[in-house]
N, C-alpha and C. Protein backbone atom coordinates (compact mmCIF):
# COMPACT_ATOMS: atom_id res chain seq x y z
N MET A 1 -8.82 -16.76 -1.73
CA MET A 1 -8.84 -15.80 -2.18
C MET A 1 -8.26 -15.96 -3.64
N GLN A 2 -9.15 -15.97 -4.69
CA GLN A 2 -8.78 -15.98 -6.15
C GLN A 2 -8.14 -14.39 -6.51
N ILE A 3 -7.13 -14.42 -7.28
CA ILE A 3 -6.40 -13.26 -7.53
C ILE A 3 -6.25 -13.48 -8.86
N ARG A 4 -6.57 -12.30 -9.64
CA ARG A 4 -6.55 -12.24 -11.30
C ARG A 4 -6.81 -10.84 -11.52
N LYS A 5 -6.56 -10.21 -12.88
CA LYS A 5 -6.44 -9.02 -13.23
C LYS A 5 -8.45 -8.82 -13.16
N ALA A 6 -8.51 -7.14 -12.88
CA ALA A 6 -9.74 -6.80 -13.25
C ALA A 6 -10.25 -6.63 -14.37
N ARG A 7 -11.70 -6.94 -14.63
CA ARG A 7 -12.04 -6.77 -16.05
C ARG A 7 -12.63 -5.08 -16.32
N THR A 8 -12.56 -4.83 -17.71
CA THR A 8 -13.23 -3.41 -17.66
C THR A 8 -14.75 -3.20 -17.28
N GLU A 9 -15.49 -4.40 -17.27
CA GLU A 9 -16.71 -4.42 -16.52
C GLU A 9 -16.76 -4.65 -15.25
N GLU A 10 -15.57 -4.81 -14.80
CA GLU A 10 -15.53 -4.58 -13.00
C GLU A 10 -15.31 -3.11 -12.48
N TYR A 11 -14.91 -2.19 -13.30
CA TYR A 11 -14.74 -0.61 -12.87
C TYR A 11 -15.43 -0.35 -11.67
N HIS A 12 -16.49 -0.46 -11.90
CA HIS A 12 -17.40 0.37 -10.50
C HIS A 12 -17.30 -0.59 -9.42
N GLU A 13 -17.37 -1.66 -9.40
CA GLU A 13 -17.20 -2.53 -8.90
C GLU A 13 -15.73 -2.48 -7.76
N VAL A 14 -14.86 -2.25 -8.79
CA VAL A 14 -13.46 -1.80 -7.77
C VAL A 14 -13.37 -0.57 -7.06
N ARG A 15 -14.04 0.37 -8.06
CA ARG A 15 -14.14 1.76 -7.31
C ARG A 15 -14.88 1.69 -6.01
N ARG A 16 -15.64 0.74 -6.06
CA ARG A 16 -16.57 0.78 -4.99
C ARG A 16 -15.80 0.08 -3.59
N PHE A 17 -15.11 -0.55 -4.21
CA PHE A 17 -14.30 -1.55 -3.10
C PHE A 17 -13.22 -0.43 -2.52
N TYR A 18 -12.74 0.28 -3.21
CA TYR A 18 -11.79 1.46 -2.41
C TYR A 18 -12.74 2.23 -1.99
N HIS A 19 -13.66 2.97 -2.30
CA HIS A 19 -14.36 3.65 -1.09
C HIS A 19 -14.81 2.95 -0.24
N SER A 20 -15.18 2.10 -0.01
CA SER A 20 -15.53 1.00 1.45
C SER A 20 -14.17 0.81 2.13
N LEU A 21 -12.97 0.74 1.13
CA LEU A 21 -11.69 0.49 1.93
C LEU A 21 -11.55 1.55 2.82
N ILE A 22 -11.47 2.72 2.13
CA ILE A 22 -11.24 4.14 2.81
C ILE A 22 -12.16 4.52 3.87
N ASP A 23 -13.48 4.28 3.45
CA ASP A 23 -14.57 4.26 4.67
C ASP A 23 -13.99 2.90 6.25
N ALA A 24 -13.67 2.42 5.86
CA ALA A 24 -13.26 1.49 6.75
C ALA A 24 -12.23 1.55 7.46
N ILE A 25 -11.49 2.46 6.99
CA ILE A 25 -10.02 2.61 7.60
C ILE A 25 -9.76 4.17 8.11
N GLN A 26 -10.92 5.06 8.08
CA GLN A 26 -10.99 6.17 8.53
C GLN A 26 -10.82 6.07 10.25
N GLY A 27 -9.95 6.87 10.66
CA GLY A 27 -9.55 7.03 12.02
C GLY A 27 -8.46 5.74 12.56
N ALA A 28 -8.24 5.01 11.74
CA ALA A 28 -7.26 4.02 12.08
C ALA A 28 -6.13 4.68 12.26
N MET A 29 -5.16 4.39 13.16
CA MET A 29 -4.15 4.69 13.36
C MET A 29 -3.11 4.53 12.35
N TYR A 30 -2.78 3.99 11.37
CA TYR A 30 -2.00 3.95 10.47
C TYR A 30 -2.85 4.49 8.97
N HIS A 31 -4.06 5.09 8.89
CA HIS A 31 -4.39 5.36 7.73
C HIS A 31 -3.32 5.49 6.52
N PRO A 32 -3.83 5.26 5.45
CA PRO A 32 -2.66 5.75 4.43
C PRO A 32 -2.82 6.98 3.66
N LYS A 33 -4.36 7.43 4.37
CA LYS A 33 -4.65 9.00 3.69
C LYS A 33 -5.33 9.11 2.74
N TRP A 34 -5.59 7.84 1.92
CA TRP A 34 -6.39 8.02 0.77
C TRP A 34 -7.41 8.78 0.87
N GLN A 35 -8.07 9.08 -0.17
CA GLN A 35 -9.21 9.87 -0.38
C GLN A 35 -9.89 9.24 -1.44
N LYS A 36 -11.53 9.45 -1.44
CA LYS A 36 -12.31 9.05 -2.61
C LYS A 36 -12.09 9.73 -3.58
N ASP A 37 -11.80 9.07 -4.83
CA ASP A 37 -11.63 9.63 -6.15
C ASP A 37 -10.50 10.62 -6.16
N ILE A 38 -9.95 10.94 -5.15
CA ILE A 38 -8.48 11.34 -5.33
C ILE A 38 -7.34 10.29 -5.56
N TYR A 39 -7.41 9.72 -4.59
CA TYR A 39 -6.33 8.31 -4.47
C TYR A 39 -7.09 7.35 -4.00
N PRO A 40 -7.15 6.37 -4.54
CA PRO A 40 -7.11 6.03 -6.33
C PRO A 40 -8.13 7.03 -7.15
N ALA A 41 -7.56 7.50 -7.88
CA ALA A 41 -8.74 8.35 -8.73
C ALA A 41 -9.27 7.54 -10.01
N PRO A 42 -10.30 7.90 -10.05
CA PRO A 42 -11.11 7.15 -11.19
C PRO A 42 -10.21 7.13 -12.27
N GLU A 43 -9.71 7.52 -13.03
CA GLU A 43 -9.08 7.52 -14.19
C GLU A 43 -7.74 6.63 -14.10
N ASP A 44 -7.11 6.87 -12.70
CA ASP A 44 -5.83 5.81 -12.63
C ASP A 44 -6.57 4.70 -12.40
N LEU A 45 -7.87 4.08 -12.08
CA LEU A 45 -8.43 2.75 -11.70
C LEU A 45 -8.81 2.51 -13.07
N GLN A 46 -9.27 3.03 -14.03
CA GLN A 46 -9.78 3.27 -15.67
C GLN A 46 -8.57 2.54 -16.38
N SER A 47 -7.39 3.60 -16.17
CA SER A 47 -6.25 3.22 -16.76
C SER A 47 -5.64 1.74 -16.43
N ALA A 48 -5.69 1.42 -15.37
CA ALA A 48 -5.14 0.26 -14.59
C ALA A 48 -5.38 -1.04 -15.16
N ILE A 49 -7.08 -0.51 -14.93
CA ILE A 49 -7.66 -1.92 -15.78
C ILE A 49 -7.47 -2.08 -17.20
N GLY A 50 -7.59 -1.15 -17.75
CA GLY A 50 -7.19 -1.05 -19.53
C GLY A 50 -6.28 -1.65 -19.53
N GLU A 51 -4.95 -1.34 -18.95
CA GLU A 51 -3.46 -1.96 -18.95
C GLU A 51 -3.40 -3.13 -18.55
N GLY A 52 -4.28 -3.65 -17.58
CA GLY A 52 -4.24 -5.11 -17.26
C GLY A 52 -3.16 -5.35 -16.30
N THR A 53 -3.05 -3.85 -15.19
CA THR A 53 -2.04 -4.13 -14.41
C THR A 53 -3.12 -3.94 -12.61
N LEU A 54 -4.10 -4.00 -12.91
CA LEU A 54 -5.09 -3.94 -11.36
C LEU A 54 -5.41 -5.25 -11.34
N TYR A 55 -5.23 -5.74 -10.22
CA TYR A 55 -5.44 -7.19 -9.61
C TYR A 55 -6.13 -7.24 -8.66
N ILE A 56 -7.38 -7.96 -8.39
CA ILE A 56 -8.19 -8.05 -7.68
C ILE A 56 -8.17 -9.51 -6.52
N GLY A 57 -8.45 -9.34 -5.75
CA GLY A 57 -8.62 -10.60 -4.98
C GLY A 57 -9.92 -11.04 -4.59
N ARG A 58 -10.46 -11.74 -5.14
CA ARG A 58 -12.10 -11.86 -4.79
C ARG A 58 -12.23 -12.90 -3.73
N CYS A 59 -13.18 -13.04 -2.99
CA CYS A 59 -13.54 -14.25 -1.98
C CYS A 59 -15.03 -14.28 -2.25
N GLY A 60 -15.45 -15.23 -2.77
CA GLY A 60 -16.84 -15.49 -3.01
C GLY A 60 -17.06 -14.47 -4.30
N ASP A 61 -18.48 -13.75 -3.89
CA ASP A 61 -18.59 -12.73 -4.82
C ASP A 61 -18.27 -11.15 -4.38
N ARG A 62 -17.16 -11.20 -3.39
CA ARG A 62 -16.59 -9.46 -2.99
C ARG A 62 -15.28 -9.70 -3.42
N ILE A 63 -15.06 -8.31 -3.66
CA ILE A 63 -13.52 -8.10 -3.75
C ILE A 63 -13.03 -7.89 -2.17
N ALA A 64 -12.15 -8.62 -2.41
CA ALA A 64 -11.24 -8.54 -0.57
C ALA A 64 -9.95 -7.75 -0.53
N GLY A 65 -9.40 -7.84 -1.69
CA GLY A 65 -8.15 -6.94 -1.54
C GLY A 65 -7.99 -6.63 -3.60
N ALA A 66 -7.13 -5.57 -3.29
CA ALA A 66 -6.72 -4.81 -4.68
C ALA A 66 -5.59 -4.16 -4.49
N MET A 67 -4.92 -4.38 -5.86
CA MET A 67 -3.65 -3.64 -5.95
C MET A 67 -3.16 -3.57 -7.47
N VAL A 68 -2.27 -2.66 -7.73
CA VAL A 68 -1.62 -2.21 -9.30
C VAL A 68 -0.39 -2.55 -8.81
N VAL A 69 -0.03 -3.46 -10.25
CA VAL A 69 1.37 -4.01 -10.27
C VAL A 69 1.94 -3.68 -11.70
N ASN A 70 2.75 -2.42 -11.92
CA ASN A 70 3.05 -2.19 -13.23
C ASN A 70 4.75 -1.34 -13.23
N GLN A 71 5.02 -0.72 -14.15
CA GLN A 71 6.33 -0.21 -13.95
C GLN A 71 6.40 1.32 -13.78
N LYS A 72 5.13 1.78 -13.47
CA LYS A 72 5.33 3.14 -13.22
C LYS A 72 5.87 3.71 -11.79
N TYR A 73 6.49 4.80 -11.54
CA TYR A 73 6.88 5.12 -10.35
C TYR A 73 6.92 6.76 -10.29
N ASN A 74 6.96 7.04 -8.64
CA ASN A 74 7.14 8.64 -8.76
C ASN A 74 8.70 9.21 -9.10
N GLU A 75 8.37 10.37 -9.45
CA GLU A 75 9.78 10.94 -9.93
C GLU A 75 10.76 10.76 -9.07
N GLU A 76 10.77 10.92 -7.81
CA GLU A 76 11.76 10.85 -7.09
C GLU A 76 12.21 9.83 -6.56
N TYR A 77 11.81 8.60 -7.01
CA TYR A 77 12.51 7.17 -6.99
C TYR A 77 13.97 7.39 -7.48
N ARG A 78 13.83 8.20 -8.80
CA ARG A 78 14.95 8.14 -9.75
C ARG A 78 16.36 8.83 -8.67
N GLN A 79 15.95 9.82 -7.50
CA GLN A 79 17.00 10.44 -6.83
C GLN A 79 17.21 9.12 -5.61
N ALA A 80 16.85 8.10 -5.52
CA ALA A 80 16.97 7.16 -4.57
C ALA A 80 18.35 6.40 -4.36
N ALA A 81 18.68 6.07 -3.35
CA ALA A 81 19.70 5.49 -3.23
C ALA A 81 19.43 3.66 -3.35
N TRP A 82 18.87 3.38 -4.42
CA TRP A 82 18.69 1.86 -4.40
C TRP A 82 20.01 1.08 -4.48
N PRO A 83 19.74 -0.26 -3.63
CA PRO A 83 20.55 -1.21 -3.67
C PRO A 83 21.32 -1.27 -5.01
N ALA A 84 20.33 -1.65 -6.04
CA ALA A 84 20.89 -1.84 -7.44
C ALA A 84 20.35 -0.92 -7.93
N GLU A 85 21.62 -0.40 -9.07
CA GLU A 85 21.05 0.43 -10.39
C GLU A 85 19.95 -0.35 -11.34
N LEU A 86 18.87 -0.27 -11.51
CA LEU A 86 18.14 -0.67 -12.25
C LEU A 86 17.81 0.33 -13.21
N LYS A 87 17.58 -0.16 -14.56
CA LYS A 87 16.83 0.28 -15.72
C LYS A 87 15.54 0.07 -15.44
N ASP A 88 14.78 1.53 -16.45
CA ASP A 88 13.29 1.31 -16.34
C ASP A 88 13.01 -0.11 -17.14
N GLY A 89 12.23 -0.83 -16.53
CA GLY A 89 11.84 -2.00 -17.14
C GLY A 89 12.51 -3.49 -16.62
N GLU A 90 13.34 -3.26 -15.73
CA GLU A 90 14.03 -3.99 -14.90
C GLU A 90 13.05 -4.57 -13.48
N PHE A 91 12.21 -3.79 -13.16
CA PHE A 91 11.79 -3.88 -11.90
C PHE A 91 9.92 -3.64 -11.95
N LEU A 92 9.56 -3.88 -10.80
CA LEU A 92 8.08 -3.99 -11.14
C LEU A 92 7.46 -2.93 -9.50
N VAL A 93 6.51 -2.09 -9.64
CA VAL A 93 6.30 -1.50 -8.47
C VAL A 93 4.91 -1.69 -8.28
N ILE A 94 4.72 -2.13 -6.55
CA ILE A 94 3.44 -2.26 -6.38
C ILE A 94 2.67 -0.96 -5.87
N HIS A 95 1.74 -0.53 -6.16
CA HIS A 95 0.49 0.69 -5.60
C HIS A 95 -0.78 0.21 -5.25
N MET A 96 -1.23 1.14 -4.74
CA MET A 96 -2.76 0.95 -4.14
C MET A 96 -2.83 -0.30 -3.28
N LEU A 97 -2.08 -1.20 -2.49
CA LEU A 97 -2.31 -2.42 -2.49
C LEU A 97 -3.42 -2.23 -1.11
N GLY A 98 -4.66 -2.80 -0.97
CA GLY A 98 -5.23 -2.57 0.40
C GLY A 98 -6.02 -4.16 0.46
N VAL A 99 -6.44 -4.40 1.32
CA VAL A 99 -7.57 -5.43 1.77
C VAL A 99 -8.40 -5.01 2.74
N HIS A 100 -9.62 -5.07 2.42
CA HIS A 100 -10.68 -4.59 3.45
C HIS A 100 -10.97 -4.91 4.85
N ARG A 101 -11.01 -4.30 5.62
CA ARG A 101 -11.02 -4.60 7.05
C ARG A 101 -12.02 -6.04 7.38
N ASP A 102 -12.91 -6.14 6.71
CA ASP A 102 -13.95 -7.13 6.67
C ASP A 102 -13.09 -8.64 6.49
N PHE A 103 -11.71 -8.49 5.68
CA PHE A 103 -11.39 -9.59 5.43
C PHE A 103 -10.00 -9.59 6.26
N ALA A 104 -9.55 -9.11 7.18
CA ALA A 104 -8.39 -8.56 7.84
C ALA A 104 -7.72 -9.96 8.48
N ARG A 105 -6.57 -10.26 8.90
CA ARG A 105 -6.07 -11.33 9.53
C ARG A 105 -6.33 -12.50 8.93
N ARG A 106 -6.66 -12.56 7.69
CA ARG A 106 -6.73 -14.06 7.05
C ARG A 106 -5.42 -14.33 6.19
N GLY A 107 -4.34 -13.05 6.03
CA GLY A 107 -3.35 -13.56 5.28
C GLY A 107 -3.35 -12.75 3.79
N TYR A 108 -4.62 -12.22 3.45
CA TYR A 108 -4.60 -11.89 2.00
C TYR A 108 -3.75 -11.13 1.43
N ALA A 109 -3.33 -9.70 2.59
CA ALA A 109 -2.47 -9.32 1.71
C ALA A 109 -0.85 -9.56 1.26
N LYS A 110 -0.72 -10.78 2.30
CA LYS A 110 0.24 -11.34 1.94
C LYS A 110 0.41 -12.08 0.49
N GLN A 111 -1.03 -12.81 0.45
CA GLN A 111 -1.23 -13.38 -0.71
C GLN A 111 -1.13 -12.15 -2.14
N LEU A 112 -1.76 -11.25 -1.75
CA LEU A 112 -1.49 -10.16 -2.64
C LEU A 112 0.06 -10.04 -3.23
N VAL A 113 1.10 -9.53 -2.17
CA VAL A 113 2.45 -9.11 -2.38
C VAL A 113 2.94 -10.51 -2.94
N GLN A 114 2.80 -12.09 -2.45
CA GLN A 114 3.43 -13.05 -2.95
C GLN A 114 2.72 -12.84 -4.64
N TYR A 115 1.67 -12.67 -5.07
CA TYR A 115 1.34 -12.86 -6.35
C TYR A 115 2.19 -11.81 -6.99
N ALA A 116 2.12 -10.41 -6.56
CA ALA A 116 3.05 -9.27 -7.26
C ALA A 116 4.55 -9.87 -7.54
N ILE A 117 5.24 -10.58 -6.22
CA ILE A 117 6.47 -10.91 -6.73
C ILE A 117 6.68 -12.18 -7.73
N GLY A 118 5.50 -13.16 -7.59
CA GLY A 118 5.42 -14.00 -8.57
C GLY A 118 5.29 -13.23 -9.84
N LEU A 119 4.53 -12.52 -10.28
CA LEU A 119 4.40 -11.64 -11.57
C LEU A 119 6.08 -10.95 -11.72
N ALA A 120 6.35 -10.77 -11.23
CA ALA A 120 7.92 -10.02 -11.38
C ALA A 120 8.77 -11.22 -11.94
N VAL A 121 9.03 -12.25 -11.13
CA VAL A 121 9.65 -13.35 -11.30
C VAL A 121 9.57 -13.75 -12.58
N LYS A 122 7.90 -14.22 -12.91
CA LYS A 122 7.85 -14.69 -14.08
C LYS A 122 8.36 -13.75 -15.64
N ASP A 123 8.17 -12.40 -15.29
CA ASP A 123 8.15 -11.19 -16.27
C ASP A 123 10.07 -11.12 -16.63
N GLY A 124 10.56 -11.73 -15.51
CA GLY A 124 11.94 -11.80 -15.36
C GLY A 124 12.77 -10.49 -14.64
N LYS A 125 11.83 -9.90 -14.20
CA LYS A 125 12.49 -8.57 -13.41
C LYS A 125 13.49 -9.11 -12.11
N LYS A 126 14.08 -7.94 -12.13
CA LYS A 126 15.19 -8.23 -11.17
C LYS A 126 14.94 -7.73 -9.70
N ALA A 127 13.63 -6.98 -9.68
CA ALA A 127 13.39 -6.18 -8.67
C ALA A 127 11.55 -5.81 -8.46
N VAL A 128 11.73 -5.95 -7.19
CA VAL A 128 9.91 -5.08 -6.77
C VAL A 128 10.60 -4.18 -6.01
N ARG A 129 9.79 -2.72 -5.98
CA ARG A 129 9.92 -1.45 -5.57
C ARG A 129 8.66 -1.26 -5.07
N LEU A 130 8.52 -0.47 -4.06
CA LEU A 130 7.56 0.44 -3.47
C LEU A 130 7.56 1.44 -2.21
N ASP A 131 6.48 2.27 -2.08
CA ASP A 131 6.91 3.57 -1.34
C ASP A 131 5.51 3.31 -0.21
N VAL A 132 6.15 3.61 0.83
CA VAL A 132 4.84 3.28 2.30
C VAL A 132 4.73 4.88 2.95
N LEU A 133 4.21 5.01 3.28
CA LEU A 133 3.61 6.27 3.77
C LEU A 133 4.18 6.09 5.41
N GLN A 134 5.24 7.46 5.64
CA GLN A 134 6.18 6.98 6.93
C GLN A 134 5.33 6.77 7.81
N GLY A 135 5.70 5.46 8.62
CA GLY A 135 5.39 5.08 9.92
C GLY A 135 4.03 4.32 9.58
N ASN A 136 3.99 3.98 8.48
CA ASN A 136 2.56 2.77 8.33
C ASN A 136 3.18 1.29 8.74
N LEU A 137 3.26 1.33 10.11
CA LEU A 137 4.05 0.01 10.45
C LEU A 137 3.36 -1.08 10.04
N PRO A 138 1.93 -1.33 9.90
CA PRO A 138 1.77 -2.56 9.37
C PRO A 138 1.95 -3.05 8.09
N ALA A 139 1.75 -1.87 7.14
CA ALA A 139 2.33 -2.48 5.77
C ALA A 139 4.01 -2.68 5.76
N ILE A 140 4.60 -1.80 6.42
CA ILE A 140 6.31 -2.02 6.43
C ILE A 140 6.51 -3.29 7.09
N ARG A 141 5.79 -3.97 8.22
CA ARG A 141 6.14 -5.17 8.73
C ARG A 141 5.56 -6.17 7.65
N LEU A 142 4.72 -6.07 7.20
CA LEU A 142 4.19 -7.01 6.07
C LEU A 142 5.40 -6.91 4.70
N TYR A 143 5.98 -5.99 4.30
CA TYR A 143 6.79 -5.99 3.25
C TYR A 143 8.10 -6.68 3.57
N GLU A 144 8.61 -6.03 4.90
CA GLU A 144 10.12 -6.46 5.30
C GLU A 144 9.62 -8.52 5.59
N SER A 145 8.43 -8.85 5.84
CA SER A 145 8.50 -10.19 5.99
C SER A 145 8.81 -10.92 5.10
N PHE A 146 8.39 -10.24 3.77
CA PHE A 146 8.87 -10.83 2.56
C PHE A 146 10.47 -10.82 2.19
N GLY A 147 11.36 -10.14 2.96
CA GLY A 147 12.59 -9.34 2.23
C GLY A 147 12.83 -8.33 2.04
N PHE A 148 11.80 -7.40 1.80
CA PHE A 148 12.09 -5.82 1.27
C PHE A 148 12.59 -5.24 2.23
N VAL A 149 13.48 -4.44 1.72
CA VAL A 149 14.98 -3.83 2.43
C VAL A 149 14.23 -2.43 2.20
N TYR A 150 14.72 -1.69 3.65
CA TYR A 150 14.24 0.02 3.50
C TYR A 150 15.44 0.53 2.58
N VAL A 151 14.94 1.40 1.91
CA VAL A 151 16.17 2.06 0.92
C VAL A 151 16.41 3.46 1.87
N GLU A 152 15.66 4.26 1.74
CA GLU A 152 15.63 5.47 2.36
C GLU A 152 14.19 6.42 2.14
N THR A 153 14.02 7.37 3.15
CA THR A 153 12.86 8.23 3.56
C THR A 153 12.90 9.21 2.43
N VAL A 154 11.96 9.33 1.52
CA VAL A 154 12.10 10.68 0.85
C VAL A 154 10.79 11.28 0.81
N THR A 155 10.70 12.49 0.17
CA THR A 155 9.45 13.63 0.43
C THR A 155 8.85 13.75 -1.32
N MET A 156 7.80 12.80 -1.27
CA MET A 156 7.26 12.73 -2.54
C MET A 156 6.09 13.59 -2.44
N PHE A 157 5.21 13.58 -3.50
CA PHE A 157 4.06 14.44 -4.09
C PHE A 157 2.99 13.26 -4.18
N TYR A 158 1.93 13.14 -3.93
CA TYR A 158 0.66 12.39 -4.49
C TYR A 158 -0.73 13.38 -4.20
N GLU A 159 -1.70 13.01 -5.01
CA GLU A 159 -2.86 13.86 -4.81
C GLU A 159 -3.73 13.92 -3.58
N ASP A 160 -3.47 12.74 -2.79
CA ASP A 160 -4.45 12.38 -1.83
C ASP A 160 -3.42 13.10 -0.31
N THR A 161 -2.26 13.22 -0.60
CA THR A 161 -1.44 13.65 0.56
C THR A 161 -0.89 14.80 0.59
N GLY A 162 -0.43 15.02 -0.54
CA GLY A 162 0.25 16.34 -0.59
C GLY A 162 1.82 15.88 -0.63
N TRP A 163 2.68 16.82 -0.12
CA TRP A 163 3.96 16.37 -0.40
C TRP A 163 4.33 15.89 1.21
N MET A 164 4.79 14.66 1.67
CA MET A 164 4.89 14.10 2.42
C MET A 164 5.92 13.24 2.44
N GLU A 165 6.12 12.64 3.65
CA GLU A 165 7.59 11.41 3.87
C GLU A 165 7.06 9.90 3.53
N PHE A 166 7.67 9.66 2.60
CA PHE A 166 7.53 7.98 2.31
C PHE A 166 8.84 7.23 2.18
N GLU A 167 8.42 6.13 2.70
CA GLU A 167 9.74 5.35 3.13
C GLU A 167 10.00 4.27 1.87
N LEU A 168 10.92 4.31 0.94
CA LEU A 168 11.18 3.25 0.01
C LEU A 168 11.72 2.03 0.29
N PHE A 169 11.27 0.96 -0.02
CA PHE A 169 11.48 -0.27 -0.32
C PHE A 169 11.78 -1.20 -1.57
N GLU A 170 12.70 -2.32 -1.42
CA GLU A 170 13.07 -2.80 -2.52
C GLU A 170 13.41 -4.45 -1.97
N LEU A 171 12.77 -5.16 -3.20
CA LEU A 171 12.85 -6.52 -3.05
C LEU A 171 13.91 -7.17 -3.97
N GLN A 172 14.97 -7.25 -4.00
CA GLN A 172 15.92 -8.10 -5.14
C GLN A 172 15.24 -9.40 -5.41
N LEU A 173 15.16 -9.69 -6.68
CA LEU A 173 14.59 -10.74 -7.03
C LEU A 173 15.81 -12.22 -7.41
N ALA A 174 16.93 -11.27 -7.81
CA ALA A 174 18.02 -12.18 -8.41
C ALA A 174 18.35 -13.39 -7.31
N GLU A 175 18.20 -13.00 -5.85
CA GLU A 175 18.92 -14.16 -4.87
C GLU A 175 17.36 -14.88 -4.35
N GLN A 176 16.21 -14.57 -4.75
CA GLN A 176 14.94 -15.33 -4.73
C GLN A 176 15.01 -16.68 -5.17
N ASN A 177 14.95 -17.70 -4.41
CA ASN A 177 14.39 -18.93 -5.19
C ASN A 177 13.39 -19.53 -4.52
N MET A 178 12.78 -19.08 -3.66
CA MET A 178 11.33 -19.58 -3.10
C MET A 178 10.15 -18.91 -3.81
N TYR A 179 10.36 -18.05 -4.72
CA TYR A 179 9.01 -17.20 -5.18
C TYR A 179 9.27 -17.96 -6.74
């Protein structure tokens, strides 16, 4: 899988990827509750592509996976008891990470997370943070396999889910030599 920033002219393909991903996970036990054109919203996709923070993983002529890696986060992150007190700009946040079921069990989600960690290390960040819908065990196991540590569960609002419980995770990078 080749990972790179999505280009402006790929917006429609990225949007179709997320729609197809949402269709593929309907009825799954660990559905993240994403909804077409609500989360991810078209304007969020366009903004992330324009800012150079939306990354796609391609296998041949198809997008197998995608994610956003930036410094934006939900307001509830500010009240969390993070292991390290970091200022804005000292960490990156992973959003909208998804791999299409057609490409499942090939290690592509791990490649995307590894790539995000590499971006943080390259940019001199001290940590990578993220939130996962409470109980999404496959995602939690994925992040824990990289050493992400559970911080706490908070109630947050997102357009697709409304107010729900999310588990916050952090990977501190100062001690990471392998990335």
